[in-house]
Amino acid sequence: MANLKKILKAGQSRFVAAAFGADDFTADFEVYRSDNDKELDFARKWFALNCHAFGVVSVDTPYVLFKDQDGFKRELEFLKSIGMKAKLAIHPTQVDLINQAFTPSA
């Protein structure tokens, strides 16, 4: 995250998208990843902001509590509010909700 601007700038002409890896981030930062992901709040915002600044699509980490559809919907709304443009899925039931959340309206 400390070199995010440099990485995005260097790859700006080649990158279409970049993905935020929450588990890698928390492991590198040596913090516990909680169910509410509060420890990811700043990093996600920083990631989305920098991706936008360099014209790269920001893709968020998977939502691992795939049986919690209500929590997933809340997370998608939050991600949209901070400028994330896409989300990785780990379960087929997540795909329709992701598409609904991030597909532009007519």
PDB file of N, CA and C in Angstrom:
ATOM      1  N   MET A   1       0.832  -1.190   0.000  1.00  0.00           N
ATOM      2  CA  MET A   1       0.000   0.000   0.000  1.00  0.00           C
ATOM      3  C   MET A   1       0.878   1.255   0.000  1.00  0.00           C
ATOM      4  N   ALA A   2       2.037   1.147   0.604  1.00  0.00           N
ATOM      5  CA  ALA A   2       2.927   2.304   0.650  1.00  0.00           C
ATOM      6  C   ALA A   2       3.431   2.692  -0.735  1.00  0.00           C
ATOM      7  N   ASN A   3       3.524   1.738  -1.642  1.00  0.00           N
ATOM      8  CA  ASN A   3       4.006   1.996  -2.997  1.00  0.00           C
ATOM      9  C   ASN A   3       2.895   1.965  -4.045  1.00  0.00           C
ATOM     10  N   LEU A   4       1.655   2.031  -3.606  1.00  0.00           N
ATOM     11  CA  LEU A   4       0.524   1.879  -4.518  1.00  0.00           C
ATOM     12  C   LEU A   4       0.544   2.900  -5.655  1.00  0.00           C
ATOM     13  N   LYS A   5       0.782   4.157  -5.341  1.00  0.00           N
ATOM     14  CA  LYS A   5       0.808   5.186  -6.380  1.00  0.00           C
ATOM     15  C   LYS A   5       1.875   4.886  -7.422  1.00  0.00           C
ATOM     16  N   LYS A   6       3.051   4.505  -6.955  1.00  0.00           N
ATOM     17  CA  LYS A   6       4.167   4.213  -7.857  1.00  0.00           C
ATOM     18  C   LYS A   6       3.835   3.016  -8.755  1.00  0.00           C
ATOM     19  N   ILE A   7       3.230   1.997  -8.182  1.00  0.00           N
ATOM     20  CA  ILE A   7       2.872   0.797  -8.940  1.00  0.00           C
ATOM     21  C   ILE A   7       1.819   1.124  -9.993  1.00  0.00           C
ATOM     22  N   LEU A   8       0.775   1.828  -9.591  1.00  0.00           N
ATOM     23  CA  LEU A   8      -0.295   2.160 -10.534  1.00  0.00           C
ATOM     24  C   LEU A   8       0.187   3.097 -11.632  1.00  0.00           C
ATOM     25  N   LYS A   9       1.021   4.030 -11.277  1.00  0.00           N
ATOM     26  CA  LYS A   9       1.553   4.958 -12.278  1.00  0.00           C
ATOM     27  C   LYS A   9       2.421   4.211 -13.292  1.00  0.00           C
ATOM     28  N   ALA A  10       3.266   3.315 -12.814  1.00  0.00           N
ATOM     29  CA  ALA A  10       4.148   2.558 -13.696  1.00  0.00           C
ATOM     30  C   ALA A  10       3.362   1.653 -14.648  1.00  0.00           C
ATOM     31  N   GLY A  11       2.251   1.122 -14.186  1.00  0.00           N
ATOM     32  CA  GLY A  11       1.466   0.205 -15.015  1.00  0.00           C
ATOM     33  C   GLY A  11       0.245   0.819 -15.648  1.00  0.00           C
ATOM     34  N   GLN A  12       0.096   2.113 -15.515  1.00  0.00           N
ATOM     35  CA  GLN A  12      -1.116   2.809 -15.964  1.00  0.00           C
ATOM     36  C   GLN A  12      -1.491   2.487 -17.408  1.00  0.00           C
ATOM     37  N   SER A  13      -0.535   2.404 -18.295  1.00  0.00           N
ATOM     38  CA  SER A  13      -0.843   2.138 -19.696  1.00  0.00           C
ATOM     39  C   SER A  13      -1.117   0.655 -19.970  1.00  0.00           C
ATOM     40  N   ARG A  14      -0.814  -0.215 -18.995  1.00  0.00           N
ATOM     41  CA  ARG A  14      -1.005  -1.659 -19.190  1.00  0.00           C
ATOM     42  C   ARG A  14      -2.090  -2.246 -18.309  1.00  0.00           C
ATOM     43  N   PHE A  15      -2.349  -1.645 -17.154  1.00  0.00           N
ATOM     44  CA  PHE A  15      -3.332  -2.204 -16.220  1.00  0.00           C
ATOM     45  C   PHE A  15      -4.743  -1.821 -16.634  1.00  0.00           C
ATOM     46  N   VAL A  16      -5.637  -2.775 -16.552  1.00  0.00           N
ATOM     47  CA  VAL A  16      -7.057  -2.505 -16.720  1.00  0.00           C
ATOM     48  C   VAL A  16      -7.701  -2.431 -15.335  1.00  0.00           C
ATOM     49  N   ALA A  17      -7.264  -3.316 -14.464  1.00  0.00           N
ATOM     50  CA  ALA A  17      -7.819  -3.402 -13.119  1.00  0.00           C
ATOM     51  C   ALA A  17      -6.737  -3.841 -12.138  1.00  0.00           C
ATOM     52  N   ALA A  18      -7.017  -3.580 -10.862  1.00  0.00           N
ATOM     53  CA  ALA A  18      -6.147  -4.037  -9.773  1.00  0.00           C
ATOM     54  C   ALA A  18      -7.044  -4.545  -8.654  1.00  0.00           C
ATOM     55  N   ALA A  19      -6.623  -5.600  -8.002  1.00  0.00           N
ATOM     56  CA  ALA A  19      -7.420  -6.203  -6.936  1.00  0.00           C
ATOM     57  C   ALA A  19      -6.775  -5.989  -5.577  1.00  0.00           C
ATOM     58  N   PHE A  20      -7.626  -5.635  -4.616  1.00  0.00           N
ATOM     59  CA  PHE A  20      -7.193  -5.478  -3.229  1.00  0.00           C
ATOM     60  C   PHE A  20      -7.304  -6.832  -2.541  1.00  0.00           C
ATOM     61  N   GLY A  21      -6.217  -7.324  -1.979  1.00  0.00           N
ATOM     62  CA  GLY A  21      -6.210  -8.604  -1.273  1.00  0.00           C
ATOM     63  C   GLY A  21      -6.194  -8.389   0.225  1.00  0.00           C
ATOM     64  N   ALA A  22      -7.338  -8.528   0.846  1.00  0.00           N
ATOM     65  CA  ALA A  22      -7.464  -8.250   2.273  1.00  0.00           C
ATOM     66  C   ALA A  22      -6.634  -9.177   3.143  1.00  0.00           C
ATOM     67  N   ASP A  23      -6.600 -10.441   2.791  1.00  0.00           N
ATOM     68  CA  ASP A  23      -5.857 -11.379   3.627  1.00  0.00           C
ATOM     69  C   ASP A  23      -4.353 -11.162   3.508  1.00  0.00           C
ATOM     70  N   ASP A  24      -3.892 -10.854   2.323  1.00  0.00           N
ATOM     71  CA  ASP A  24      -2.477 -10.510   2.160  1.00  0.00           C
ATOM     72  C   ASP A  24      -2.148  -9.238   2.932  1.00  0.00           C
ATOM     73  N   PHE A  25      -3.040  -8.249   2.824  1.00  0.00           N
ATOM     74  CA  PHE A  25      -2.823  -6.979   3.524  1.00  0.00           C
ATOM     75  C   PHE A  25      -2.754  -7.188   5.036  1.00  0.00           C
ATOM     76  N   THR A  26      -3.712  -7.890   5.604  1.00  0.00           N
ATOM     77  CA  THR A  26      -3.715  -8.065   7.057  1.00  0.00           C
ATOM     78  C   THR A  26      -2.535  -8.916   7.518  1.00  0.00           C
ATOM     79  N   ALA A  27      -2.136  -9.893   6.711  1.00  0.00           N
ATOM     80  CA  ALA A  27      -0.961 -10.705   7.072  1.00  0.00           C
ATOM     81  C   ALA A  27       0.306  -9.854   7.047  1.00  0.00           C
ATOM     82  N   ASP A  28       0.473  -9.061   5.991  1.00  0.00           N
ATOM     83  CA  ASP A  28       1.657  -8.200   5.899  1.00  0.00           C
ATOM     84  C   ASP A  28       1.678  -7.144   6.993  1.00  0.00           C
ATOM     85  N   PHE A  29       0.503  -6.634   7.333  1.00  0.00           N
ATOM     86  CA  PHE A  29       0.378  -5.573   8.334  1.00  0.00           C
ATOM     87  C   PHE A  29       0.359  -6.138   9.755  1.00  0.00           C
ATOM     88  N   GLU A  30       0.283  -7.470   9.847  1.00  0.00           N
ATOM     89  CA  GLU A  30       0.270  -8.197  11.119  1.00  0.00           C
ATOM     90  C   GLU A  30      -0.894  -7.810  12.012  1.00  0.00           C
ATOM     91  N   VAL A  31      -2.095  -7.787  11.400  1.00  0.00           N
ATOM     92  CA  VAL A  31      -3.321  -7.545  12.153  1.00  0.00           C
ATOM     93  C   VAL A  31      -4.299  -8.676  11.857  1.00  0.00           C
ATOM     94  N   TYR A  32      -5.215  -8.877  12.781  1.00  0.00           N
ATOM     95  CA  TYR A  32      -6.240  -9.905  12.647  1.00  0.00           C
ATOM     96  C   TYR A  32      -7.365  -9.380  11.751  1.00  0.00           C
ATOM     97  N   ARG A  33      -7.814 -10.191  10.811  1.00  0.00           N
ATOM     98  CA  ARG A  33      -8.952  -9.799   9.975  1.00  0.00           C
ATOM     99  C   ARG A  33     -10.233 -10.222  10.672  1.00  0.00           C
ATOM    100  N   SER A  34     -10.994  -9.246  11.098  1.00  0.00           N
ATOM    101  CA  SER A  34     -12.243  -9.510  11.812  1.00  0.00           C
ATOM    102  C   SER A  34     -13.394  -9.725  10.831  1.00  0.00           C
ATOM    103  N   ASP A  35     -14.526 -10.181  11.353  1.00  0.00           N
ATOM    104  CA  ASP A  35     -15.708 -10.396  10.512  1.00  0.00           C
ATOM    105  C   ASP A  35     -16.258  -9.087   9.945  1.00  0.00           C
ATOM    106  N   ASN A  36     -16.077  -7.976  10.654  1.00  0.00           N
ATOM    107  CA  ASN A  36     -16.624  -6.704  10.163  1.00  0.00           C
ATOM    108  C   ASN A  36     -15.624  -5.927   9.298  1.00  0.00           C
ATOM    109  N   ASP A  37     -14.415  -6.409   9.174  1.00  0.00           N
ATOM    110  CA  ASP A  37     -13.391  -5.818   8.300  1.00  0.00           C
ATOM    111  C   ASP A  37     -13.041  -4.359   8.607  1.00  0.00           C
ATOM    112  N   LYS A  38     -13.251  -3.917   9.833  1.00  0.00           N
ATOM    113  CA  LYS A  38     -12.931  -2.528  10.180  1.00  0.00           C
ATOM    114  C   LYS A  38     -11.460  -2.199   9.947  1.00  0.00           C
ATOM    115  N   GLU A  39     -10.603  -3.178  10.124  1.00  0.00           N
ATOM    116  CA  GLU A  39      -9.171  -2.952   9.945  1.00  0.00           C
ATOM    117  C   GLU A  39      -8.800  -2.701   8.479  1.00  0.00           C
ATOM    118  N   LEU A  40      -9.740  -2.946   7.571  1.00  0.00           N
ATOM    119  CA  LEU A  40      -9.506  -2.728   6.144  1.00  0.00           C
ATOM    120  C   LEU A  40     -10.017  -1.379   5.652  1.00  0.00           C
ATOM    121  N   ASP A  41     -10.730  -0.666   6.492  1.00  0.00           N
ATOM    122  CA  ASP A  41     -11.442   0.543   6.071  1.00  0.00           C
ATOM    123  C   ASP A  41     -10.531   1.546   5.354  1.00  0.00           C
ATOM    124  N   PHE A  42      -9.463   1.979   5.990  1.00  0.00           N
ATOM    125  CA  PHE A  42      -8.585   2.967   5.374  1.00  0.00           C
ATOM    126  C   PHE A  42      -7.930   2.422   4.111  1.00  0.00           C
ATOM    127  N   ALA A  43      -7.440   1.192   4.173  1.00  0.00           N
ATOM    128  CA  ALA A  43      -6.731   0.611   3.031  1.00  0.00           C
ATOM    129  C   ALA A  43      -7.643   0.502   1.816  1.00  0.00           C
ATOM    130  N   ARG A  44      -8.887   0.103   2.035  1.00  0.00           N
ATOM    131  CA  ARG A  44      -9.832   0.013   0.911  1.00  0.00           C
ATOM    132  C   ARG A  44     -10.078   1.383   0.289  1.00  0.00           C
ATOM    133  N   LYS A  45     -10.257   2.381   1.125  1.00  0.00           N
ATOM    134  CA  LYS A  45     -10.494   3.733   0.612  1.00  0.00           C
ATOM    135  C   LYS A  45      -9.272   4.246  -0.140  1.00  0.00           C
ATOM    136  N   TRP A  46      -8.090   4.029   0.399  1.00  0.00           N
ATOM    137  CA  TRP A  46      -6.838   4.442  -0.234  1.00  0.00           C
ATOM    138  C   TRP A  46      -6.682   3.738  -1.587  1.00  0.00           C
ATOM    139  N   PHE A  47      -6.992   2.447  -1.603  1.00  0.00           N
ATOM    140  CA  PHE A  47      -6.878   1.659  -2.822  1.00  0.00           C
ATOM    141  C   PHE A  47      -7.838   2.181  -3.893  1.00  0.00           C
ATOM    142  N   ALA A  48      -9.104   2.362  -3.534  1.00  0.00           N
ATOM    143  CA  ALA A  48     -10.101   2.839  -4.504  1.00  0.00           C
ATOM    144  C   ALA A  48      -9.739   4.224  -5.030  1.00  0.00           C
ATOM    145  N   LEU A  49      -9.321   5.109  -4.149  1.00  0.00           N
ATOM    146  CA  LEU A  49      -8.945   6.467  -4.531  1.00  0.00           C
ATOM    147  C   LEU A  49      -7.785   6.469  -5.522  1.00  0.00           C
ATOM    148  N   ASN A  50      -6.751   5.712  -5.230  1.00  0.00           N
ATOM    149  CA  ASN A  50      -5.578   5.678  -6.095  1.00  0.00           C
ATOM    150  C   ASN A  50      -5.867   4.989  -7.427  1.00  0.00           C
ATOM    151  N   CYS A  51      -6.642   3.933  -7.413  1.00  0.00           N
ATOM    152  CA  CYS A  51      -7.020   3.298  -8.678  1.00  0.00           C
ATOM    153  C   CYS A  51      -7.769   4.288  -9.557  1.00  0.00           C
ATOM    154  N   HIS A  52      -8.700   5.001  -8.969  1.00  0.00           N
ATOM    155  CA  HIS A  52      -9.466   5.993  -9.733  1.00  0.00           C
ATOM    156  C   HIS A  52      -8.539   7.066 -10.308  1.00  0.00           C
ATOM    157  N   ALA A  53      -7.618   7.530  -9.511  1.00  0.00           N
ATOM    158  CA  ALA A  53      -6.706   8.596  -9.944  1.00  0.00           C
ATOM    159  C   ALA A  53      -5.865   8.180 -11.153  1.00  0.00           C
ATOM    160  N   PHE A  54      -5.587   6.885 -11.281  1.00  0.00           N
ATOM    161  CA  PHE A  54      -4.760   6.412 -12.386  1.00  0.00           C
ATOM    162  C   PHE A  54      -5.562   5.673 -13.459  1.00  0.00           C
ATOM    163  N   GLY A  55      -6.886   5.761 -13.400  1.00  0.00           N
ATOM    164  CA  GLY A  55      -7.727   5.159 -14.427  1.00  0.00           C
ATOM    165  C   GLY A  55      -7.726   3.642 -14.436  1.00  0.00           C
ATOM    166  N   VAL A  56      -7.546   3.058 -13.266  1.00  0.00           N
ATOM    167  CA  VAL A  56      -7.513   1.601 -13.117  1.00  0.00           C
ATOM    168  C   VAL A  56      -8.756   1.176 -12.344  1.00  0.00           C
ATOM    169  N   VAL A  57      -9.431   0.137 -12.809  1.00  0.00           N
ATOM    170  CA  VAL A  57     -10.630  -0.362 -12.134  1.00  0.00           C
ATOM    171  C   VAL A  57     -10.227  -1.008 -10.811  1.00  0.00           C
ATOM    172  N   SER A  58     -10.850  -0.554  -9.724  1.00  0.00           N
ATOM    173  CA  SER A  58     -10.566  -1.113  -8.398  1.00  0.00           C
ATOM    174  C   SER A  58     -11.481  -2.305  -8.128  1.00  0.00           C
ATOM    175  N   VAL A  59     -10.879  -3.431  -7.778  1.00  0.00           N
ATOM    176  CA  VAL A  59     -11.612  -4.662  -7.509  1.00  0.00           C
ATOM    177  C   VAL A  59     -11.361  -5.040  -6.050  1.00  0.00           C
ATOM    178  N   ASP A  60     -12.448  -5.235  -5.309  1.00  0.00           N
ATOM    179  CA  ASP A  60     -12.309  -5.542  -3.887  1.00  0.00           C
ATOM    180  C   ASP A  60     -12.139  -7.038  -3.644  1.00  0.00           C
ATOM    181  N   THR A  61     -11.595  -7.340  -2.503  1.00  0.00           N
ATOM    182  CA  THR A  61     -11.352  -8.695  -2.031  1.00  0.00           C
ATOM    183  C   THR A  61     -12.671  -9.479  -1.892  1.00  0.00           C
ATOM    184  N   PRO A  62     -12.638 -10.798  -1.942  1.00  0.00           N
ATOM    185  CA  PRO A  62     -13.868 -11.577  -1.777  1.00  0.00           C
ATOM    186  C   PRO A  62     -14.486 -11.419  -0.387  1.00  0.00           C
ATOM    187  N   TYR A  63     -15.787 -11.551  -0.338  1.00  0.00           N
ATOM    188  CA  TYR A  63     -16.538 -11.582   0.917  1.00  0.00           C
ATOM    189  C   TYR A  63     -16.616 -13.050   1.321  1.00  0.00           C
ATOM    190  N   VAL A  64     -15.922 -13.412   2.374  1.00  0.00           N
ATOM    191  CA  VAL A  64     -15.772 -14.828   2.717  1.00  0.00           C
ATOM    192  C   VAL A  64     -16.967 -15.424   3.458  1.00  0.00           C
ATOM    193  N   LEU A  65     -17.809 -14.602   4.044  1.00  0.00           N
ATOM    194  CA  LEU A  65     -18.993 -15.114   4.751  1.00  0.00           C
ATOM    195  C   LEU A  65     -20.128 -15.279   3.745  1.00  0.00           C
ATOM    196  N   PHE A  66     -19.944 -16.141   2.760  1.00  0.00           N
ATOM    197  CA  PHE A  66     -20.833 -16.209   1.608  1.00  0.00           C
ATOM    198  C   PHE A  66     -22.275 -16.590   1.944  1.00  0.00           C
ATOM    199  N   LYS A  67     -22.530 -17.151   3.112  1.00  0.00           N
ATOM    200  CA  LYS A  67     -23.904 -17.474   3.508  1.00  0.00           C
ATOM    201  C   LYS A  67     -24.644 -16.268   4.084  1.00  0.00           C
ATOM    202  N   ASP A  68     -23.936 -15.211   4.397  1.00  0.00           N
ATOM    203  CA  ASP A  68     -24.522 -13.992   4.971  1.00  0.00           C
ATOM    204  C   ASP A  68     -24.866 -13.009   3.847  1.00  0.00           C
ATOM    205  N   GLN A  69     -26.001 -13.236   3.210  1.00  0.00           N
ATOM    206  CA  GLN A  69     -26.409 -12.404   2.076  1.00  0.00           C
ATOM    207  C   GLN A  69     -26.681 -10.956   2.481  1.00  0.00           C
ATOM    208  N   ASP A  70     -27.270 -10.745   3.658  1.00  0.00           N
ATOM    209  CA  ASP A  70     -27.550  -9.374   4.106  1.00  0.00           C
ATOM    210  C   ASP A  70     -26.256  -8.612   4.359  1.00  0.00           C
ATOM    211  N   GLY A  71     -25.298  -9.267   4.991  1.00  0.00           N
ATOM    212  CA  GLY A  71     -23.999  -8.636   5.224  1.00  0.00           C
ATOM    213  C   GLY A  71     -23.295  -8.339   3.912  1.00  0.00           C
ATOM    214  N   PHE A  72     -23.437  -9.225   2.958  1.00  0.00           N
ATOM    215  CA  PHE A  72     -22.826  -9.038   1.649  1.00  0.00           C
ATOM    216  C   PHE A  72     -23.434  -7.826   0.939  1.00  0.00           C
ATOM    217  N   LYS A  73     -24.739  -7.693   1.006  1.00  0.00           N
ATOM    218  CA  LYS A  73     -25.414  -6.537   0.397  1.00  0.00           C
ATOM    219  C   LYS A  73     -24.955  -5.231   1.048  1.00  0.00           C
ATOM    220  N   ARG A  74     -24.818  -5.228   2.370  1.00  0.00           N
ATOM    221  CA  ARG A  74     -24.333  -4.031   3.061  1.00  0.00           C
ATOM    222  C   ARG A  74     -22.912  -3.692   2.621  1.00  0.00           C
ATOM    223  N   GLU A  75     -22.088  -4.724   2.492  1.00  0.00           N
ATOM    224  CA  GLU A  75     -20.711  -4.484   2.061  1.00  0.00           C
ATOM    225  C   GLU A  75     -20.670  -3.912   0.644  1.00  0.00           C
ATOM    226  N   LEU A  76     -21.491  -4.426  -0.240  1.00  0.00           N
ATOM    227  CA  LEU A  76     -21.520  -3.911  -1.611  1.00  0.00           C
ATOM    228  C   LEU A  76     -21.918  -2.438  -1.630  1.00  0.00           C
ATOM    229  N   GLU A  77     -22.885  -2.063  -0.829  1.00  0.00           N
ATOM    230  CA  GLU A  77     -23.286  -0.650  -0.749  1.00  0.00           C
ATOM    231  C   GLU A  77     -22.138   0.213  -0.234  1.00  0.00           C
ATOM    232  N   PHE A  78     -21.450  -0.272   0.784  1.00  0.00           N
ATOM    233  CA  PHE A  78     -20.303   0.462   1.320  1.00  0.00           C
ATOM    234  C   PHE A  78     -19.225   0.627   0.250  1.00  0.00           C
ATOM    235  N   LEU A  79     -18.924  -0.449  -0.447  1.00  0.00           N
ATOM    236  CA  LEU A  79     -17.877  -0.394  -1.469  1.00  0.00           C
ATOM    237  C   LEU A  79     -18.213   0.600  -2.569  1.00  0.00           C
ATOM    238  N   LYS A  80     -19.456   0.611  -2.981  1.00  0.00           N
ATOM    239  CA  LYS A  80     -19.871   1.589  -3.988  1.00  0.00           C
ATOM    240  C   LYS A  80     -19.697   3.005  -3.447  1.00  0.00           C
ATOM    241  N   SER A  81     -19.981   3.199  -2.169  1.00  0.00           N
ATOM    242  CA  SER A  81     -19.915   4.541  -1.579  1.00  0.00           C
ATOM    243  C   SER A  81     -18.482   5.065  -1.486  1.00  0.00           C
ATOM    244  N   ILE A  82     -17.499   4.168  -1.501  1.00  0.00           N
ATOM    245  CA  ILE A  82     -16.105   4.618  -1.436  1.00  0.00           C
ATOM    246  C   ILE A  82     -15.422   4.586  -2.801  1.00  0.00           C
ATOM    247  N   GLY A  83     -16.154   4.210  -3.836  1.00  0.00           N
ATOM    248  CA  GLY A  83     -15.613   4.258  -5.187  1.00  0.00           C
ATOM    249  C   GLY A  83     -15.057   2.972  -5.744  1.00  0.00           C
ATOM    250  N   MET A  84     -15.205   1.863  -5.031  1.00  0.00           N
ATOM    251  CA  MET A  84     -14.787   0.581  -5.616  1.00  0.00           C
ATOM    252  C   MET A  84     -15.671   0.313  -6.830  1.00  0.00           C
ATOM    253  N   LYS A  85     -15.116  -0.355  -7.814  1.00  0.00           N
ATOM    254  CA  LYS A  85     -15.828  -0.578  -9.075  1.00  0.00           C
ATOM    255  C   LYS A  85     -16.193  -2.023  -9.346  1.00  0.00           C
ATOM    256  N   ALA A  86     -15.661  -2.957  -8.556  1.00  0.00           N
ATOM    257  CA  ALA A  86     -15.936  -4.381  -8.780  1.00  0.00           C
ATOM    258  C   ALA A  86     -15.589  -5.159  -7.515  1.00  0.00           C
ATOM    259  N   LYS A  87     -15.969  -6.432  -7.510  1.00  0.00           N
ATOM    260  CA  LYS A  87     -15.702  -7.286  -6.348  1.00  0.00           C
ATOM    261  C   LYS A  87     -15.462  -8.710  -6.823  1.00  0.00           C
ATOM    262  N   LEU A  88     -14.487  -9.357  -6.207  1.00  0.00           N
ATOM    263  CA  LEU A  88     -14.237 -10.766  -6.480  1.00  0.00           C
ATOM    264  C   LEU A  88     -15.272 -11.620  -5.753  1.00  0.00           C
ATOM    265  N   ALA A  89     -15.624 -12.764  -6.319  1.00  0.00           N
ATOM    266  CA  ALA A  89     -16.581 -13.680  -5.705  1.00  0.00           C
ATOM    267  C   ALA A  89     -15.902 -15.004  -5.383  1.00  0.00           C
ATOM    268  N   ILE A  90     -16.374 -15.644  -4.313  1.00  0.00           N
ATOM    269  CA  ILE A  90     -15.872 -16.977  -3.989  1.00  0.00           C
ATOM    270  C   ILE A  90     -16.982 -18.024  -4.051  1.00  0.00           C
ATOM    271  N   HIS A  91     -18.214 -17.565  -4.340  1.00  0.00           N
ATOM    272  CA  HIS A  91     -19.338 -18.483  -4.390  1.00  0.00           C
ATOM    273  C   HIS A  91     -20.304 -18.023  -5.479  1.00  0.00           C
ATOM    274  N   PRO A  92     -20.893 -18.962  -6.207  1.00  0.00           N
ATOM    275  CA  PRO A  92     -21.807 -18.588  -7.303  1.00  0.00           C
ATOM    276  C   PRO A  92     -22.988 -17.710  -6.870  1.00  0.00           C
ATOM    277  N   THR A  93     -23.426 -17.849  -5.622  1.00  0.00           N
ATOM    278  CA  THR A  93     -24.565 -17.039  -5.170  1.00  0.00           C
ATOM    279  C   THR A  93     -24.210 -15.557  -5.063  1.00  0.00           C
ATOM    280  N   GLN A  94     -22.945 -15.222  -5.111  1.00  0.00           N
ATOM    281  CA  GLN A  94     -22.521 -13.827  -4.990  1.00  0.00           C
ATOM    282  C   GLN A  94     -22.532 -13.085  -6.330  1.00  0.00           C
ATOM    283  N   VAL A  95     -22.482 -13.811  -7.415  1.00  0.00           N
ATOM    284  CA  VAL A  95     -22.297 -13.197  -8.725  1.00  0.00           C
ATOM    285  C   VAL A  95     -23.441 -12.242  -9.094  1.00  0.00           C
ATOM    286  N   ASP A  96     -24.682 -12.673  -8.948  1.00  0.00           N
ATOM    287  CA  ASP A  96     -25.814 -11.810  -9.310  1.00  0.00           C
ATOM    288  C   ASP A  96     -25.834 -10.531  -8.479  1.00  0.00           C
ATOM    289  N   LEU A  97     -25.552 -10.644  -7.177  1.00  0.00           N
ATOM    290  CA  LEU A  97     -25.549  -9.457  -6.322  1.00  0.00           C
ATOM    291  C   LEU A  97     -24.426  -8.495  -6.713  1.00  0.00           C
ATOM    292  N   ILE A  98     -23.274  -9.022  -7.057  1.00  0.00           N
ATOM    293  CA  ILE A  98     -22.160  -8.181  -7.497  1.00  0.00           C
ATOM    294  C   ILE A  98     -22.536  -7.480  -8.800  1.00  0.00           C
ATOM    295  N   ASN A  99     -23.095  -8.226  -9.735  1.00  0.00           N
ATOM    296  CA  ASN A  99     -23.495  -7.624 -11.003  1.00  0.00           C
ATOM    297  C   ASN A  99     -24.553  -6.545 -10.805  1.00  0.00           C
ATOM    298  N   GLN A 100     -25.525  -6.789  -9.947  1.00  0.00           N
ATOM    299  CA  GLN A 100     -26.555  -5.782  -9.664  1.00  0.00           C
ATOM    300  C   GLN A 100     -25.941  -4.530  -9.058  1.00  0.00           C
ATOM    301  N   ALA A 101     -24.997  -4.708  -8.174  1.00  0.00           N
ATOM    302  CA  ALA A 101     -24.403  -3.575  -7.474  1.00  0.00           C
ATOM    303  C   ALA A 101     -23.517  -2.727  -8.384  1.00  0.00           C
ATOM    304  N   PHE A 102     -22.771  -3.356  -9.274  1.00  0.00           N
ATOM    305  CA  PHE A 102     -21.771  -2.623 -10.034  1.00  0.00           C
ATOM    306  C   PHE A 102     -22.076  -2.399 -11.515  1.00  0.00           C
ATOM    307  N   THR A 103     -23.202  -2.899 -11.998  1.00  0.00           N
ATOM    308  CA  THR A 103     -23.579  -2.639 -13.381  1.00  0.00           C
ATOM    309  C   THR A 103     -24.198  -1.251 -13.464  1.00  0.00           C
ATOM    310  N   PRO A 104     -23.691  -0.419 -14.359  1.00  0.00           N
ATOM    311  CA  PRO A 104     -24.265   0.931 -14.483  1.00  0.00           C
ATOM    312  C   PRO A 104     -25.730   0.880 -14.943  1.00  0.00           C
ATOM    313  N   SER A 105     -26.489   1.852 -14.507  1.00  0.00           N
ATOM    314  CA  SER A 105     -27.892   1.925 -14.937  1.00  0.00           C
ATOM    315  C   SER A 105     -27.949   2.423 -16.377  1.00  0.00           C
ATOM    316  N   ALA A 106     -29.092   2.219 -17.021  1.00  0.00           N
ATOM    317  CA  ALA A 106     -29.276   2.682 -18.393  1.00  0.00           C
ATOM    318  C   ALA A 106     -29.200   4.194 -18.445  1.00  0.00           C
TER     319      ALA A 106
END
